[in-house]
C-alpha atoms as a PDB file:
ATOM      1  CA  MET A   1      -3.377 -24.043  59.259  1.00  0.00           C
ATOM      2  CA  ALA A   2      -6.469 -26.314  59.659  1.00  0.00           C
ATOM      3  CA  ALA A   3      -9.111 -26.269  61.773  1.00  0.00           C
ATOM      4  CA  GLN A   4      -7.701 -27.811  64.084  1.00  0.00           C
ATOM      5  CA  SER A   5      -9.127 -29.866  67.559  1.00  0.00           C
ATOM      6  CA  ILE A   6      -6.666 -27.780  70.669  1.00  0.00           C
ATOM      7  CA  ASN A   7      -7.253 -28.512  74.453  1.00  0.00           C
ATOM      8  CA  TYR A   8      -5.030 -26.616  76.457  1.00  0.00           C
ATOM      9  CA  LYS A   9      -5.203 -29.177  79.735  1.00  0.00           C
ATOM     10  CA  GLY A  10      -3.192 -28.501  83.279  1.00  0.00           C
ATOM     11  CA  GLN A  11      -1.370 -26.433  85.133  1.00  0.00           C
ATOM     12  CA  GLY A  12       2.198 -25.764  85.680  1.00  0.00           C
ATOM     13  CA  LEU A  13       4.143 -22.940  87.603  1.00  0.00           C
ATOM     14  CA  SER A  14       8.069 -21.411  86.844  1.00  0.00           C
ATOM     15  CA  LEU A  15      10.069 -19.023  88.925  1.00  0.00           C
ATOM     16  CA  LEU A  16      12.018 -16.706  87.292  1.00  0.00           C
ATOM     17  CA  ARG A  17      15.899 -18.602  86.512  1.00  0.00           C
ATOM     18  CA  ASP A  18      18.766 -17.836  84.946  1.00  0.00           C
ATOM     19  CA  LYS A  19      19.164 -15.460  81.645  1.00  0.00           C
ATOM     20  CA  ASN A  20      15.648 -14.139  82.992  1.00  0.00           C
ATOM     21  CA  ARG A  21      13.254 -16.645  81.411  1.00  0.00           C
ATOM     22  CA  PHE A  22      11.197 -18.698  82.670  1.00  0.00           C
ATOM     23  CA  VAL A  23       9.336 -21.979  81.851  1.00  0.00           C
ATOM     24  CA  LEU A  24       6.128 -23.020  80.327  1.00  0.00           C
ATOM     25  CA  PRO A  25       5.474 -26.461  82.532  1.00  0.00           C
ATOM     26  CA  ASN A  26       5.780 -29.408  79.791  1.00  0.00           C
ATOM     27  CA  CYS A  27       1.856 -30.322  79.628  1.00  0.00           C
ATOM     28  CA  PHE A  28       1.872 -27.664  76.920  1.00  0.00           C
ATOM     29  CA  ARG A  29       4.405 -27.586  74.830  1.00  0.00           C
ATOM     30  CA  ALA A  30       3.206 -30.481  73.014  1.00  0.00           C
ATOM     31  CA  THR A  31       0.354 -28.890  71.991  1.00  0.00           C
ATOM     32  CA  LEU A  32       2.186 -25.097  71.244  1.00  0.00           C
ATOM     33  CA  ARG A  33       4.341 -27.001  69.229  1.00  0.00           C
ATOM     34  CA  GLU A  34       1.589 -28.480  66.750  1.00  0.00           C
ATOM     35  CA  SER A  35      -0.553 -25.334  67.261  1.00  0.00           C
ATOM     36  CA  SER A  36       2.356 -23.170  66.063  1.00  0.00           C
ATOM     37  CA  GLY A  37       4.361 -24.824  63.582  1.00  0.00           C
ATOM     38  CA  GLY A  38       7.015 -24.579  66.230  1.00  0.00           C
ATOM     39  CA  ASN A  39       8.496 -23.543  69.327  1.00  0.00           C
ATOM     40  CA  VAL A  40       6.518 -20.522  69.841  1.00  0.00           C
ATOM     41  CA  VAL A  41       3.356 -19.658  72.257  1.00  0.00           C
ATOM     42  CA  CYS A  42       1.124 -16.048  71.437  1.00  0.00           C
ATOM     43  CA  LEU A  43       0.770 -14.147  74.587  1.00  0.00           C
ATOM     44  CA  ALA A  44      -1.642 -11.591  74.724  1.00  0.00           C
ATOM     45  CA  SER A  45      -4.014  -9.809  77.568  1.00  0.00           C
ATOM     46  CA  HIS A  46      -6.952 -11.017  78.937  1.00  0.00           C
ATOM     47  CA  ASP A  47     -10.050  -9.525  78.029  1.00  0.00           C
ATOM     48  CA  ARG A  48     -11.411  -9.567  81.628  1.00  0.00           C
ATOM     49  CA  TRP A  49      -9.053 -11.309  83.422  1.00  0.00           C
ATOM     50  CA  PRO A  50      -6.045  -9.639  85.488  1.00  0.00           C
ATOM     51  CA  CYS A  51      -3.939 -12.071  83.957  1.00  0.00           C
ATOM     52  CA  LEU A  52      -2.413 -13.369  80.458  1.00  0.00           C
ATOM     53  CA  ILE A  53      -3.068 -15.596  78.216  1.00  0.00           C
ATOM     54  CA  GLY A  54      -1.312 -17.941  76.030  1.00  0.00           C
ATOM     55  CA  PHE A  55      -2.337 -20.570  72.583  1.00  0.00           C
ATOM     56  CA  GLY A  56      -0.830 -21.486  69.571  1.00  0.00           C
ATOM     57  CA  ARG A  57      -1.244 -19.063  66.180  1.00  0.00           C
ATOM     58  CA  SER A  58      -3.441 -21.753  64.945  1.00  0.00           C
ATOM     59  CA  ARG A  59      -6.065 -20.112  67.414  1.00  0.00           C
ATOM     60  CA  ALA A  60      -5.802 -16.662  65.003  1.00  0.00           C
ATOM     61  CA  ASP A  61      -6.292 -18.322  61.953  1.00  0.00           C
ATOM     62  CA  ASN A  62      -9.669 -20.075  63.122  1.00  0.00           C
ATOM     63  CA  PHE A  63     -10.298 -16.483  65.661  1.00  0.00           C
ATOM     64  CA  LYS A  64     -13.207 -15.244  62.782  1.00  0.00           C
ATOM     65  CA  ALA A  65     -15.374 -18.142  63.405  1.00  0.00           C
ATOM     66  CA  GLU A  66     -14.440 -18.070  67.177  1.00  0.00           C
ATOM     67  CA  LEU A  67     -15.447 -14.553  67.444  1.00  0.00           C
ATOM     68  CA  ASP A  68     -19.032 -15.297  64.745  1.00  0.00           C
ATOM     69  CA  GLU A  69     -20.022 -18.190  67.020  1.00  0.00           C
ATOM     70  CA  LEU A  70     -19.679 -15.444  70.957  1.00  0.00           C
ATOM     71  CA  ARG A  71     -21.471 -12.812  68.714  1.00  0.00           C
ATOM     72  CA  ASP A  72     -24.637 -15.309  67.936  1.00  0.00           C
ATOM     73  CA  ASN A  73     -24.217 -16.855  71.775  1.00  0.00           C
ATOM     74  CA  ALA A  74     -25.100 -13.167  72.464  1.00  0.00           C
ATOM     75  CA  LEU A  75     -27.387 -12.183  70.154  1.00  0.00           C
ATOM     76  CA  ARG A  76     -29.935 -15.073  70.896  1.00  0.00           C
ATOM     77  CA  ALA A  77     -28.980 -14.451  74.870  1.00  0.00           C
ATOM     78  CA  GLY A  78     -30.452 -10.763  73.821  1.00  0.00           C
ATOM     79  CA  ARG A  79     -26.850  -9.489  75.120  1.00  0.00           C
ATOM     80  CA  ASN A  80     -25.800  -6.235  73.216  1.00  0.00           C
ATOM     81  CA  ASP A  81     -22.753  -6.565  75.720  1.00  0.00           C
ATOM     82  CA  PHE A  82     -20.968  -8.552  73.410  1.00  0.00           C
ATOM     83  CA  ASP A  83     -16.924  -6.435  72.137  1.00  0.00           C
ATOM     84  CA  GLY A  84     -16.086  -8.492  69.607  1.00  0.00           C
ATOM     85  CA  GLU A  85     -13.036  -5.739  68.712  1.00  0.00           C
ATOM     86  CA  LEU A  86     -11.650  -6.078  72.563  1.00  0.00           C
ATOM     87  CA  LEU A  87     -11.064  -9.312  71.933  1.00  0.00           C
ATOM     88  CA  ALA A  88     -10.153  -8.932  68.655  1.00  0.00           C
ATOM     89  CA  ASP A  89      -8.079  -6.510  69.406  1.00  0.00           C
ATOM     90  CA  SER A  90      -6.241  -8.974  72.435  1.00  0.00           C
ATOM     91  CA  ILE A  91      -6.277 -11.596  70.363  1.00  0.00           C
ATOM     92  CA  MET A  92      -4.587 -10.185  67.312  1.00  0.00           C
ATOM     93  CA  THR A  93      -2.039  -7.968  68.910  1.00  0.00           C
ATOM     94  CA  ALA A  94      -0.616 -10.578  70.309  1.00  0.00           C
ATOM     95  CA  LEU A  95       3.599 -11.073  70.825  1.00  0.00           C
ATOM     96  CA  GLU A  96       5.261 -14.495  69.612  1.00  0.00           C
ATOM     97  CA  VAL A  97       7.184 -15.841  71.989  1.00  0.00           C
ATOM     98  CA  PRO A  98      10.435 -18.174  70.859  1.00  0.00           C
ATOM     99  CA  PHE A  99      10.652 -20.961  73.718  1.00  0.00           C
ATOM    100  CA  ASP A 100      13.776 -23.333  73.498  1.00  0.00           C
ATOM    101  CA  ASP A 101      12.951 -27.356  73.545  1.00  0.00           C
ATOM    102  CA  SER A 102      13.522 -27.063  77.042  1.00  0.00           C
ATOM    103  CA  GLY A 103      10.308 -25.146  77.272  1.00  0.00           C
ATOM    104  CA  ARG A 104      12.324 -21.513  78.591  1.00  0.00           C
ATOM    105  CA  PHE A 105      11.156 -18.182  76.681  1.00  0.00           C
ATOM    106  CA  VAL A 106      11.632 -14.625  78.080  1.00  0.00           C
ATOM    107  CA  LEU A 107       9.118 -13.176  78.734  1.00  0.00           C
ATOM    108  CA  PRO A 108       8.419  -9.420  76.988  1.00  0.00           C
ATOM    109  CA  PRO A 109       8.798  -6.548  79.608  1.00  0.00           C
ATOM    110  CA  GLU A 110       5.018  -5.376  78.301  1.00  0.00           C
ATOM    111  CA  LEU A 111       3.287  -8.107  79.083  1.00  0.00           C
ATOM    112  CA  ALA A 112       5.269  -8.560  82.086  1.00  0.00           C
ATOM    113  CA  GLY A 113       3.834  -5.111  83.554  1.00  0.00           C
ATOM    114  CA  ILE A 114       0.052  -5.673  81.581  1.00  0.00           C
ATOM    115  CA  GLY A 115       0.062  -9.454  84.027  1.00  0.00           C
ATOM    116  CA  ASN A 116       1.953  -7.397  87.085  1.00  0.00           C
ATOM    117  CA  VAL A 117       4.809 -10.502  86.703  1.00  0.00           C
ATOM    118  CA  THR A 118       7.223 -10.505  89.488  1.00  0.00           C
ATOM    119  CA  ASP A 119       9.528 -13.370  89.598  1.00  0.00           C
ATOM    120  CA  THR A 120       6.352 -16.257  89.696  1.00  0.00           C
ATOM    121  CA  LEU A 121       4.023 -17.452  87.273  1.00  0.00           C
ATOM    122  CA  TYR A 122       0.693 -20.116  87.310  1.00  0.00           C
ATOM    123  CA  PHE A 123      -0.073 -21.745  84.074  1.00  0.00           C
ATOM    124  CA  ARG A 124      -3.628 -22.847  83.961  1.00  0.00           C
ATOM    125  CA  GLY A 125      -5.538 -25.021  81.084  1.00  0.00           C
ATOM    126  CA  ASN A 126      -8.527 -23.279  79.462  1.00  0.00           C
ATOM    127  CA  VAL A 127      -9.068 -25.447  76.276  1.00  0.00           C
ATOM    128  CA  ASN A 128      -8.609 -23.742  73.249  1.00  0.00           C
ATOM    129  CA  PHE A 129      -5.450 -21.237  75.414  1.00  0.00           C
ATOM    130  CA  PHE A 130      -4.387 -21.057  78.522  1.00  0.00           C
ATOM    131  CA  THR A 131      -4.230 -18.725  82.265  1.00  0.00           C
ATOM    132  CA  VAL A 132      -0.631 -16.672  82.961  1.00  0.00           C
ATOM    133  CA  TRP A 133      -1.162 -15.190  86.084  1.00  0.00           C
ATOM    134  CA  SER A 134       0.946 -13.225  88.971  1.00  0.00           C
ATOM    135  CA  PRO A 135      -0.387 -15.371  91.704  1.00  0.00           C
ATOM    136  CA  ASP A 136      -0.532 -11.991  93.835  1.00  0.00           C
ATOM    137  CA  ASN A 137      -3.026 -11.260  90.604  1.00  0.00           C
ATOM    138  CA  LEU A 138      -4.786 -14.434  91.137  1.00  0.00           C
ATOM    139  CA  LYS A 139      -5.201 -14.183  94.736  1.00  0.00           C
ATOM    140  CA  THR A 140      -7.654 -11.566  93.818  1.00  0.00           C
ATOM    141  CA  MET A 141     -10.020 -13.423  92.008  1.00  0.00           C
ATOM    142  CA  GLY A 142     -12.864 -13.812  94.854  1.00  0.00           C
ATOM    143  CA  ASP A 143     -13.739 -17.093  95.855  1.00  0.00           C
ATOM    144  CA  ALA A 144     -15.198 -18.303  92.415  1.00  0.00           C
ATOM    145  CA  TRP A 145     -10.913 -19.040  92.003  1.00  0.00           C
ATOM    146  CA  LYS A 146     -10.700 -20.828  95.189  1.00  0.00           C
ATOM    147  CA  VAL A 147      -8.929 -24.158  93.865  1.00  0.00           C
ATOM    148  CA  ALA A 148      -6.349 -22.496  91.391  1.00  0.00           C
ATOM    149  CA  GLN A 149      -5.976 -20.006  94.396  1.00  0.00           C
ATOM    150  CA  VAL A 150      -5.184 -23.415  95.867  1.00  0.00           C
ATOM    151  CA  ALA A 151      -3.427 -24.708  93.493  1.00  0.00           C
ATOM    152  CA  CYS A 152      -0.852 -21.882  93.145  1.00  0.00           C
ATOM    153  CA  ASP A 153      -0.705 -21.798  96.281  1.00  0.00           C
ATOM    154  CA  THR A 154       1.135 -25.692  96.304  1.00  0.00           C
ATOM    155  CA  LEU A 155       3.290 -25.565  93.681  1.00  0.00           C
ATOM    156  CA  VAL A 156       4.285 -21.941  95.440  1.00  0.00           C
ATOM    157  CA  ALA A 157       5.067 -23.431  98.346  1.00  0.00           C
ATOM    158  CA  GLN A 158       6.634 -26.547  96.804  1.00  0.00           C
ATOM    159  CA  GLU A 159       8.986 -25.050  94.142  1.00  0.00           C
ATOM    160  CA  THR A 160       9.610 -22.011  97.214  1.00  0.00           C
ATOM    161  CA  ALA A 161      11.325 -25.669  98.542  1.00  0.00           C
ATOM    162  CA  LYS A 162      13.208 -27.648  95.844  1.00  0.00           C
ATOM    163  CA  ALA A 163      14.517 -24.291  95.050  1.00  0.00           C
ATOM    164  CA  LYS A 164      16.045 -23.636  98.210  1.00  0.00           C
ATOM    165  CA  ARG A 165      17.443 -26.818  98.163  1.00  0.00           C
ATOM    166  CA  LYS A 166      19.619 -26.309  95.427  1.00  0.00           C
END
């Protein structure tokens, strides 16, 4: 796939549903289809935060250039703590997870364990990937994450209320 501008923006929440499935937010589905050449989301653990990341297959195609840029920026800033191998390990070992046209997918158990996932996923766009949080893990992130925490809590309350009405 040729290099392309991929932007994951928006947020969403999914409660665990029938057949052990979650649902990808609509705001990410078209971008994933375009960047993966079909209904596939790549999921991996984040290298610093206690969450998962999601992206399309094309990110792996462009990841070498992204790593080179990150390394060069770290060197210019005088940082010698940049670990490109750890980042590459996370991205290049991502699991490719199929989703249906409605966005339903089964989260692999190994990723659920890494992300501390039980029955709720909070998704948040982050330009060339999106984060996938267990609300409990997001709550541990401190004041810099207040906007995401409040948004997650609001979506949890809304979805829980909807589920109770059904």
